[in-house]
């Protein structure tokens, strides 16, 4: 479950909106280069929250901005408060459907006030009134399910934050339509199971009408033989305020949890923001492979901004198993990834009194990320564990990490076994994990150029 903390606010005063948003994205890009692949979404949200704080300060300081917010129509209020770029754009074009669907439970009313269905993106705004109690920091949030919490649908269970508006609170939900086909009109089940600190049930069947869109078929594929992964780009969906990229991924059975991630650039080389990435729509087994139909969402209409998209597909390899080395194994010991070029070479192991020292090298000294990343790998992915508990992930045994050769990515980890009663080296093994390298240094496929105009 991921918390929806997208609370960055839309742009201010004299700075053009697109430039501000691209500046924020630039900050995100820099942060991603210093963060792990698993933490990308969290890092993005943190930076966007900081941008929100700056924005909110600007609105209080700028009379012009206060007037602009005052002129936002009520139907689009939540989309502006939570900076839903698609909802903001559509509400400004009066393309959002106004609703008045109400559900009440134990003194709290939830009203679905509007919805939109643009290409592959669905948005809903709602209002909460009644005796709502926040958490210890007075933050108000709710927990909801869509499609009855179907585990096969991405983000089917979420926490959503709310902001005070008048005597109540407003909130906003955005999701990718979870199926390959996009019907002209449909509805989807939405149930809030918690509002503030109160458990309950507020159920809706939200009607949505598809706005006009264009779907452009494409036929570009990329493949990596060693990793045995392929990505086929199928189509581009251009909505009124959003763009969706549809693709098909193909992985070996052991790679069923592999994840496709995209980086997209316009015809000026500027990075295009992706708001929802790696959405799985369908998966099935084909012979000895897993096939996944996926989608990524861009919260803007692009054919007026750029003539083409340059798409850089990446695949994060999951499921790389752990390797276990005996303290008496013959050295050097090489631990290699089956599907990537990742390797950890243990060159020396010594047991001296109450210390166990391990010397090792990561990826033959090949530097693909900042050095701190490899220091973290050295600290967390080469550890001494009790053999009988080697498959249990616990707080690692206390140890220090020394850099032996920064240029060659060589380290020494020294474990303190003084607190272990009757330490016996035969009862301990070295657990070497390549999952951190595989997950955070994805397979990079050749870029694809897709003409839009």
Protein backbone atom coordinates (compact mmCIF):
# COMPACT_ATOMS: atom_id res chain seq x y z
CA UNK A 1 0.00 0.00 0.00
CA UNK A 2 1.31 3.39 -0.89
CA UNK A 3 0.19 6.64 0.68
CA UNK A 4 -1.08 9.26 -1.75
CA UNK A 5 0.77 12.28 -0.54
CA UNK A 6 0.83 14.21 -3.82
CA UNK A 7 0.20 17.65 -2.28
CA UNK A 8 2.36 19.86 -4.43
CA UNK A 9 0.36 22.88 -5.51
CA UNK A 10 0.12 24.52 -8.91
CA UNK A 11 2.33 27.35 -9.99
CA UNK A 12 2.76 30.93 -8.95
CA UNK A 13 2.91 34.54 -9.96
CA UNK A 14 5.31 35.38 -12.78
CA UNK A 15 7.00 32.02 -13.32
CA UNK A 16 5.37 30.07 -16.21
CA UNK A 17 3.66 26.92 -14.94
CA UNK A 18 5.39 24.51 -17.33
CA UNK A 19 8.82 25.81 -16.39
CA UNK A 20 8.15 25.43 -12.68
CA UNK A 21 6.86 21.90 -13.07
CA UNK A 22 9.85 20.97 -15.21
CA UNK A 23 12.17 22.49 -12.60
CA UNK A 24 10.50 20.35 -9.95
CA UNK A 25 10.91 17.33 -12.22
CA UNK A 26 14.59 18.20 -12.65
CA UNK A 27 14.94 18.05 -8.89
CA UNK A 28 13.18 14.71 -8.88
CA UNK A 29 15.57 13.39 -11.54
CA UNK A 30 18.59 14.41 -9.48
CA UNK A 31 17.10 12.81 -6.38
CA UNK A 32 16.43 9.59 -8.29
CA UNK A 33 20.07 9.34 -9.28
CA UNK A 34 20.95 9.27 -5.59
CA UNK A 35 18.15 7.01 -4.40
CA UNK A 36 17.44 3.34 -4.82
CA UNK A 37 15.07 2.06 -7.49
CA UNK A 38 12.67 0.96 -4.76
CA UNK A 39 12.55 4.41 -3.20
CA UNK A 40 11.83 6.40 -6.35
CA UNK A 41 8.16 7.00 -5.63
CA UNK A 42 8.81 7.94 -2.03
CA UNK A 43 11.54 10.36 -3.05
CA UNK A 44 9.31 11.93 -5.68
CA UNK A 45 6.55 12.48 -3.17
CA UNK A 46 8.93 14.06 -0.67
CA UNK A 47 10.22 16.54 -3.21
CA UNK A 48 6.74 17.34 -4.44
CA UNK A 49 5.61 17.94 -0.86
CA UNK A 50 8.46 20.43 -0.44
CA UNK A 51 7.32 22.12 -3.64
CA UNK A 52 3.83 22.24 -2.17
CA UNK A 53 5.09 24.01 0.95
CA UNK A 54 6.84 26.62 -1.17
CA UNK A 55 3.74 27.08 -3.25
CA UNK A 56 1.42 27.45 -0.28
CA UNK A 57 3.69 30.11 1.20
CA UNK A 58 3.56 31.95 -2.11
CA UNK A 59 -0.24 31.88 -2.17
CA UNK A 60 -0.45 33.54 1.24
CA UNK A 61 2.08 36.16 0.22
CA UNK A 62 0.63 36.91 -3.19
CA UNK A 63 -2.75 38.68 -3.46
CA UNK A 64 -2.81 37.79 -7.15
CA UNK A 65 -2.50 34.10 -6.39
CA UNK A 66 -5.18 34.28 -3.71
CA UNK A 67 -7.53 35.81 -6.26
CA UNK A 68 -6.63 33.08 -8.76
CA UNK A 69 -7.47 30.37 -6.22
CA UNK A 70 -10.68 32.14 -5.32
CA UNK A 71 -11.71 31.96 -8.96
CA UNK A 72 -11.21 28.19 -9.14
CA UNK A 73 -14.69 26.66 -9.64
CA UNK A 74 -15.95 24.52 -6.78
CA UNK A 75 -16.16 21.50 -9.05
CA UNK A 76 -12.41 21.64 -9.64
CA UNK A 77 -11.35 22.64 -6.13
CA UNK A 78 -9.85 19.31 -5.06
CA UNK A 79 -7.94 18.91 -8.33
CA UNK A 80 -6.22 22.24 -7.69
CA UNK A 81 -5.63 21.63 -3.97
CA UNK A 82 -3.90 18.32 -4.72
CA UNK A 83 -2.34 19.45 -8.01
CA UNK A 84 -3.98 16.81 -10.15
CA UNK A 85 -2.69 18.23 -13.43
CA UNK A 86 -5.16 16.24 -15.52
CA UNK A 87 -8.12 17.24 -13.35
CA UNK A 88 -7.01 20.86 -13.27
CA UNK A 89 -6.72 21.00 -17.03
CA UNK A 90 -10.05 19.30 -17.63
CA UNK A 91 -11.90 21.41 -15.05
CA UNK A 92 -10.57 24.57 -16.70
CA UNK A 93 -12.08 23.27 -19.97
CA UNK A 94 -15.32 22.37 -18.16
CA UNK A 95 -14.80 18.73 -19.10
CA UNK A 96 -15.24 17.33 -15.59
CA UNK A 97 -18.59 15.71 -14.80
CA UNK A 98 -20.32 17.14 -11.75
CA UNK A 99 -21.77 14.54 -9.35
CA UNK A 100 -23.64 14.55 -6.08
CA UNK A 101 -23.41 10.98 -4.78
CA UNK A 102 -23.70 10.80 -0.98
CA UNK A 103 -23.05 8.05 1.55
CA UNK A 104 -23.46 8.49 5.32
CA UNK A 105 -22.25 6.44 8.26
CA UNK A 106 -21.98 7.20 11.99
CA UNK A 107 -22.22 10.96 11.68
CA UNK A 108 -19.89 11.34 8.69
CA UNK A 109 -21.10 12.19 5.19
CA UNK A 110 -18.96 11.50 2.11
CA UNK A 111 -20.08 13.12 -1.13
CA UNK A 112 -18.52 12.27 -4.50
CA UNK A 113 -18.62 15.67 -6.18
CA UNK A 114 -17.08 15.09 -9.61
CA UNK A 115 -15.32 12.62 -11.88
CA UNK A 116 -13.43 12.52 -15.16
CA UNK A 117 -12.38 9.76 -17.55
CA UNK A 118 -9.69 10.94 -19.94
CA UNK A 119 -8.04 8.34 -22.12
CA UNK A 120 -6.75 5.81 -19.59
CA UNK A 121 -6.91 8.12 -16.55
CA UNK A 122 -9.78 8.33 -14.08
CA UNK A 123 -10.16 11.01 -11.41
CA UNK A 124 -12.65 11.51 -8.60
CA UNK A 125 -13.11 14.38 -6.17
CA UNK A 126 -15.06 14.10 -2.93
CA UNK A 127 -16.06 16.08 0.12
CA UNK A 128 -16.31 14.93 3.75
CA UNK A 129 -18.51 16.55 6.39
CA UNK A 130 -19.23 15.62 9.97
CA UNK A 131 -17.37 14.66 13.14
CA UNK A 132 -14.00 13.76 11.63
CA UNK A 133 -11.08 13.13 13.97
CA UNK A 134 -7.50 13.41 12.74
CA UNK A 135 -4.37 11.65 13.90
CA UNK A 136 -1.97 12.88 16.60
CA UNK A 137 -0.69 15.53 14.18
CA UNK A 138 -4.24 16.52 13.22
CA UNK A 139 -3.80 15.16 9.71
CA UNK A 140 -6.96 13.90 8.06
CA UNK A 141 -6.81 10.86 5.83
CA UNK A 142 -9.05 8.08 4.60
CA UNK A 143 -8.59 4.51 3.48
CA UNK A 144 -10.46 3.32 0.41
CA UNK A 145 -10.75 0.38 -1.95
CA UNK A 146 -11.64 0.33 -5.62
CA UNK A 147 -13.00 -2.74 -7.40
CA UNK A 148 -13.47 -4.41 -3.99
CA UNK A 149 -9.73 -4.32 -3.31
CA UNK A 150 -8.96 -6.65 -6.22
CA UNK A 151 -5.34 -7.75 -5.77
CA UNK A 152 -4.94 -8.00 -9.52
CA UNK A 153 -5.47 -4.25 -9.90
CA UNK A 154 -2.67 -1.83 -9.14
CA UNK A 155 -3.33 0.49 -6.20
CA UNK A 156 -6.72 -1.05 -5.46
CA UNK A 157 -6.25 -0.21 -1.77
CA UNK A 158 -4.97 3.23 -0.87
CA UNK A 159 -4.69 5.88 1.80
CA UNK A 160 -5.77 9.33 0.62
CA UNK A 161 -5.12 12.61 2.40
CA UNK A 162 -7.69 15.39 2.75
CA UNK A 163 -7.49 19.12 3.25
CA UNK A 164 -9.90 21.36 5.13
CA UNK A 165 -12.30 23.41 3.03
CA UNK A 166 -14.92 25.47 4.81
CA UNK A 167 -16.68 23.32 7.39
CA UNK A 168 -15.51 20.08 5.80
CA UNK A 169 -12.68 18.43 3.94
CA UNK A 170 -11.92 17.78 0.29
CA UNK A 171 -10.02 14.89 -1.25
CA UNK A 172 -9.05 13.60 -4.65
CA UNK A 173 -8.32 10.17 -6.16
CA UNK A 174 -6.57 9.51 -9.44
CA UNK A 175 -6.06 6.07 -10.96
CA UNK A 176 -5.30 4.40 -14.22
CA UNK A 177 -8.27 2.60 -15.72
CA UNK A 178 -7.28 -0.97 -14.81
CA UNK A 179 -8.19 -2.81 -18.01
CA UNK A 180 -6.81 -2.95 -21.54
CA UNK A 181 -10.06 -1.96 -23.23
CA UNK A 182 -11.43 1.54 -22.59
CA UNK A 183 -15.24 1.53 -22.72
CA UNK A 184 -17.06 4.71 -23.69
CA UNK A 185 -18.97 4.75 -20.42
CA UNK A 186 -18.81 2.62 -17.30
CA UNK A 187 -18.71 2.84 -13.54
CA UNK A 188 -16.40 1.56 -10.87
CA UNK A 189 -17.00 0.55 -7.24
CA UNK A 190 -15.44 2.79 -4.60
CA UNK A 191 -15.66 2.16 -0.87
CA UNK A 192 -14.15 4.21 1.92
CA UNK A 193 -13.42 2.00 4.92
CA UNK A 194 -11.95 4.66 7.17
CA UNK A 195 -12.44 8.42 7.39
CA UNK A 196 -10.10 10.08 9.85
CA UNK A 197 -9.95 7.75 12.85
CA UNK A 198 -13.43 6.28 12.30
CA UNK A 199 -13.89 2.86 10.70
CA UNK A 200 -16.98 2.36 8.59
CA UNK A 201 -18.35 1.81 5.11
CA UNK A 202 -19.14 4.55 2.59
CA UNK A 203 -19.93 2.90 -0.75
CA UNK A 204 -20.31 4.35 -4.24
CA UNK A 205 -20.73 3.19 -7.80
CA UNK A 206 -19.03 6.07 -9.59
CA UNK A 207 -20.25 6.70 -13.16
CA UNK A 208 -17.67 7.85 -15.69
CA UNK A 209 -17.96 8.95 -19.32
CA UNK A 210 -15.02 8.68 -21.69
CA UNK A 211 -13.80 11.96 -23.17
CA UNK A 212 -12.73 11.93 -26.84
CA UNK A 213 -9.26 10.47 -27.33
CA UNK A 214 -6.96 9.22 -30.06
CA UNK A 215 -5.03 5.96 -30.00
CA UNK A 216 -1.95 5.66 -32.16
CA UNK A 217 -0.68 2.16 -32.83
CA UNK A 218 3.08 1.69 -32.61
CA UNK A 219 5.27 -1.33 -33.18
CA UNK A 220 8.67 -1.01 -31.55
CA UNK A 221 10.36 -3.72 -29.48
CA UNK A 222 13.58 -4.05 -27.49
CA UNK A 223 15.26 -7.18 -26.12
CA UNK A 224 18.10 -8.18 -23.81
CA UNK A 225 19.32 -11.73 -24.36
CA UNK A 226 21.21 -12.30 -21.10
CA UNK A 227 18.35 -11.06 -18.94
CA UNK A 228 15.83 -12.75 -21.26
CA UNK A 229 13.53 -9.73 -21.18
CA UNK A 230 11.66 -8.01 -23.99
CA UNK A 231 9.49 -4.90 -24.16
CA UNK A 232 7.06 -4.31 -27.02
CA UNK A 233 5.50 -0.84 -27.32
CA UNK A 234 1.92 -1.22 -28.53
CA UNK A 235 0.16 2.15 -28.61
CA UNK A 236 0.02 5.75 -27.44
CA UNK A 237 -3.31 7.07 -26.11
CA UNK A 238 -3.74 10.85 -26.37
CA UNK A 239 -6.54 12.14 -24.16
CA UNK A 240 -7.70 15.71 -23.65
CA UNK A 241 -5.19 16.28 -20.83
CA UNK A 242 -3.21 13.04 -20.52
CA UNK A 243 -1.11 10.57 -22.46
CA UNK A 244 -0.81 6.83 -21.88
CA UNK A 245 1.90 4.51 -23.17
CA UNK A 246 0.80 0.88 -23.56
CA UNK A 247 3.40 -1.88 -23.76
CA UNK A 248 3.91 -5.62 -23.36
CA UNK A 249 6.71 -7.09 -21.27
CA UNK A 250 8.00 -10.64 -21.58
CA UNK A 251 10.07 -12.26 -18.80
CA UNK A 252 11.27 -15.74 -17.87
CA UNK A 253 9.23 -17.58 -15.25
CA UNK A 254 11.75 -16.77 -12.52
CA UNK A 255 11.36 -13.11 -13.47
CA UNK A 256 7.61 -12.94 -12.88
CA UNK A 257 8.18 -10.02 -10.49
CA UNK A 258 10.42 -8.07 -12.86
CA UNK A 259 9.30 -4.47 -13.27
CA UNK A 260 9.34 -2.26 -16.35
CA UNK A 261 10.11 1.41 -15.81
CA UNK A 262 10.17 4.12 -18.45
CA UNK A 263 12.03 7.38 -18.87
CA UNK A 264 10.56 9.65 -21.51
CA UNK A 265 12.07 12.71 -23.20
CA UNK A 266 10.63 15.26 -25.64
CA UNK A 267 12.18 16.51 -28.87
CA UNK A 268 14.26 19.05 -26.91
CA UNK A 269 15.76 16.36 -24.69
CA UNK A 270 13.72 17.50 -21.68
CA UNK A 271 12.41 14.79 -19.45
CA UNK A 272 8.65 14.23 -19.52
CA UNK A 273 7.01 13.61 -16.18
CA UNK A 274 5.39 10.20 -15.67
CA UNK A 275 2.82 10.27 -12.88
CA UNK A 276 1.99 6.55 -12.85
CA UNK A 277 4.55 4.02 -14.02
CA UNK A 278 4.63 0.25 -14.33
CA UNK A 279 0.86 -0.33 -14.14
CA UNK A 280 0.08 -4.00 -14.73
CA UNK A 281 -3.15 -4.53 -16.67
CA UNK A 282 -2.93 -8.24 -17.41
CA UNK A 283 -0.46 -11.10 -17.03
CA UNK A 284 -0.41 -14.65 -18.27
CA UNK A 285 2.01 -17.51 -18.91
CA UNK A 286 3.16 -18.30 -22.42
CA UNK A 287 5.30 -21.44 -22.59
CA UNK A 288 8.23 -20.76 -20.25
CA UNK A 289 7.69 -17.01 -20.05
CA UNK A 290 5.44 -14.54 -18.25
CA UNK A 291 3.74 -11.90 -20.40
CA UNK A 292 2.61 -8.65 -18.79
CA UNK A 293 0.46 -5.98 -20.41
CA UNK A 294 1.43 -2.66 -18.87
CA UNK A 295 0.77 1.05 -19.01
CA UNK A 296 2.43 4.30 -17.94
CA UNK A 297 0.61 7.61 -17.56
CA UNK A 298 1.85 11.10 -18.45
CA UNK A 299 -0.33 13.88 -16.94
CA UNK A 300 -0.36 16.13 -19.99
CA UNK A 301 -1.29 16.14 -23.65
CA UNK A 302 1.97 15.93 -25.55
CA UNK A 303 1.31 16.33 -29.25
CA UNK A 304 1.33 20.13 -28.90
CA UNK A 305 4.56 20.09 -26.89
CA UNK A 306 6.73 17.74 -28.92
CA UNK A 307 6.88 16.06 -32.32
CA UNK A 308 8.12 12.78 -30.90
CA UNK A 309 8.84 10.89 -27.71
CA UNK A 310 12.12 9.19 -26.94
CA UNK A 311 11.33 6.33 -24.56
CA UNK A 312 14.07 4.65 -22.52
CA UNK A 313 12.79 1.31 -21.18
CA UNK A 314 14.42 -0.25 -18.13
CA UNK A 315 13.73 -3.55 -16.40
CA UNK A 316 14.40 -4.03 -12.69
CA UNK A 317 15.27 -7.68 -12.17
CA UNK A 318 13.55 -9.22 -9.17
CA UNK A 319 13.91 -12.55 -7.43
CA UNK A 320 17.70 -12.84 -7.45
CA UNK A 321 18.29 -15.48 -4.79
CA UNK A 322 20.73 -15.26 -1.88
CA UNK A 323 24.04 -17.09 -1.87
CA UNK A 324 25.66 -18.59 1.21
CA UNK A 325 29.39 -19.05 1.73
CA UNK A 326 31.05 -21.13 4.42
CA UNK A 327 33.81 -19.46 6.43
CA UNK A 328 36.03 -22.36 5.40
CA UNK A 329 35.32 -22.18 1.65
CA UNK A 330 38.28 -22.01 -0.69
CA UNK A 331 38.98 -18.47 -1.85
CA UNK A 332 38.41 -16.43 -3.90
CA UNK A 333 34.64 -17.02 -4.13
CA UNK A 334 32.67 -15.37 -6.92
CA UNK A 335 28.93 -14.78 -6.61
CA UNK A 336 27.39 -13.89 -9.98
CA UNK A 337 23.96 -12.86 -11.20
CA UNK A 338 22.38 -15.22 -13.71
CA UNK A 339 20.65 -12.54 -15.74
CA UNK A 340 22.87 -9.47 -15.31
CA UNK A 341 26.54 -8.62 -15.09
CA UNK A 342 26.51 -8.17 -11.32
CA UNK A 343 29.17 -9.93 -9.26
CA UNK A 344 30.54 -9.87 -5.73
CA UNK A 345 34.00 -11.41 -5.36
CA UNK A 346 35.01 -12.46 -1.83
CA UNK A 347 38.79 -12.46 -1.77
CA UNK A 348 39.54 -13.14 1.91
CA UNK A 349 37.83 -14.38 5.08
CA UNK A 350 39.56 -14.47 8.46
CA UNK A 351 38.45 -15.45 11.96
CA UNK A 352 40.67 -13.80 14.55
CA UNK A 353 39.55 -13.96 18.17
CA UNK A 354 36.17 -12.24 18.44
CA UNK A 355 36.38 -10.70 14.96
CA UNK A 356 35.41 -12.08 11.54
CA UNK A 357 36.80 -10.08 8.61
CA UNK A 358 35.60 -10.32 4.99
CA UNK A 359 37.33 -8.67 2.03
CA UNK A 360 35.29 -8.35 -1.16
CA UNK A 361 34.88 -6.43 -4.40
CA UNK A 362 31.64 -5.29 -6.03
CA UNK A 363 31.03 -5.50 -9.79
CA UNK A 364 34.74 -5.74 -10.64
CA UNK A 365 35.07 -2.06 -9.73
CA UNK A 366 32.53 -0.96 -12.35
CA UNK A 367 30.98 2.29 -11.11
CA UNK A 368 27.44 2.89 -12.41
CA UNK A 369 26.04 4.83 -9.46
CA UNK A 370 27.43 7.18 -6.84
CA UNK A 371 29.93 5.59 -4.45
CA UNK A 372 27.56 5.84 -1.47
CA UNK A 373 25.25 3.36 -3.18
CA UNK A 374 28.02 0.73 -3.20
CA UNK A 375 28.90 1.47 0.41
CA UNK A 376 25.30 0.71 1.32
CA UNK A 377 25.43 -2.52 -0.67
CA UNK A 378 28.62 -3.47 1.17
CA UNK A 379 26.95 -2.81 4.52
CA UNK A 380 23.65 -4.58 3.91
CA UNK A 381 24.19 -7.28 1.29
CA UNK A 382 27.29 -9.09 2.57
CA UNK A 383 26.56 -10.16 6.13
CA UNK A 384 27.43 -12.87 8.63
CA UNK A 385 24.42 -14.92 9.76
CA UNK A 386 23.75 -17.99 11.85
CA UNK A 387 23.29 -20.91 9.49
CA UNK A 388 20.17 -22.17 11.22
CA UNK A 389 18.57 -18.73 10.73
CA UNK A 390 20.06 -17.81 7.36
CA UNK A 391 16.69 -17.42 5.65
CA UNK A 392 15.33 -15.11 8.35
CA UNK A 393 15.93 -11.42 7.74
CA UNK A 394 16.87 -9.83 11.04
CA UNK A 395 18.96 -6.91 12.18
CA UNK A 396 22.43 -7.81 10.89
CA UNK A 397 25.22 -8.66 13.25
CA UNK A 398 27.09 -5.55 14.36
CA UNK A 399 29.90 -4.81 11.94
CA UNK A 400 32.00 -2.05 10.45
CA UNK A 401 32.76 -1.42 6.79
CA UNK A 402 36.14 -0.13 5.65
CA UNK A 403 36.92 1.07 2.14
CA UNK A 404 40.03 -0.74 0.92
CA UNK A 405 40.11 0.75 -2.58
CA UNK A 406 37.48 3.26 -3.63
CA UNK A 407 38.38 3.13 -7.32
CA UNK A 408 38.08 -0.66 -7.41
CA UNK A 409 35.02 -0.84 -5.10
CA UNK A 410 36.88 -3.04 -2.62
CA UNK A 411 35.66 -3.24 1.00
CA UNK A 412 36.34 -5.00 4.27
CA UNK A 413 33.53 -5.85 6.67
CA UNK A 414 34.55 -6.75 10.21
CA UNK A 415 31.96 -8.50 12.37
CA UNK A 416 32.06 -8.44 16.15
CA UNK A 417 31.18 -11.91 17.50
CA UNK A 418 32.17 -11.17 21.08
CA UNK A 419 28.54 -11.23 22.20
CA UNK A 420 27.94 -14.66 20.64
CA UNK A 421 28.11 -17.43 23.23
CA UNK A 422 30.62 -20.11 22.22
CA UNK A 423 31.03 -18.78 18.71
CA UNK A 424 31.81 -21.57 16.25
CA UNK A 425 32.65 -20.65 12.68
CA UNK A 426 31.05 -23.88 11.49
CA UNK A 427 27.67 -22.57 12.64
CA UNK A 428 27.86 -19.32 10.67
CA UNK A 429 27.76 -18.49 6.97
CA UNK A 430 28.20 -15.39 4.83
CA UNK A 431 24.98 -14.37 3.10
CA UNK A 432 25.68 -12.57 -0.17
CA UNK A 433 22.66 -10.96 -1.81
CA UNK A 434 22.64 -9.59 -5.33
CA UNK A 435 19.07 -8.33 -5.04
CA UNK A 436 20.15 -4.81 -4.14
CA UNK A 437 22.31 -4.56 -7.24
CA UNK A 438 19.75 -6.19 -9.55
CA UNK A 439 16.82 -4.14 -8.29
CA UNK A 440 18.60 -0.80 -8.27
CA UNK A 441 20.74 -1.19 -11.38
CA UNK A 442 18.08 -2.23 -13.90
CA UNK A 443 18.66 -3.66 -17.34
CA UNK A 444 18.69 -0.71 -19.73
CA UNK A 445 17.26 -1.41 -23.19
CA UNK A 446 17.86 0.61 -26.31
CA UNK A 447 15.64 3.73 -26.52
CA UNK A 448 12.64 3.91 -28.82
CA UNK A 449 11.59 6.96 -30.83
CA UNK A 450 7.85 7.39 -31.36
CA UNK A 451 6.61 10.09 -33.76
CA UNK A 452 3.50 11.87 -32.49
CA UNK A 453 2.74 14.24 -35.36
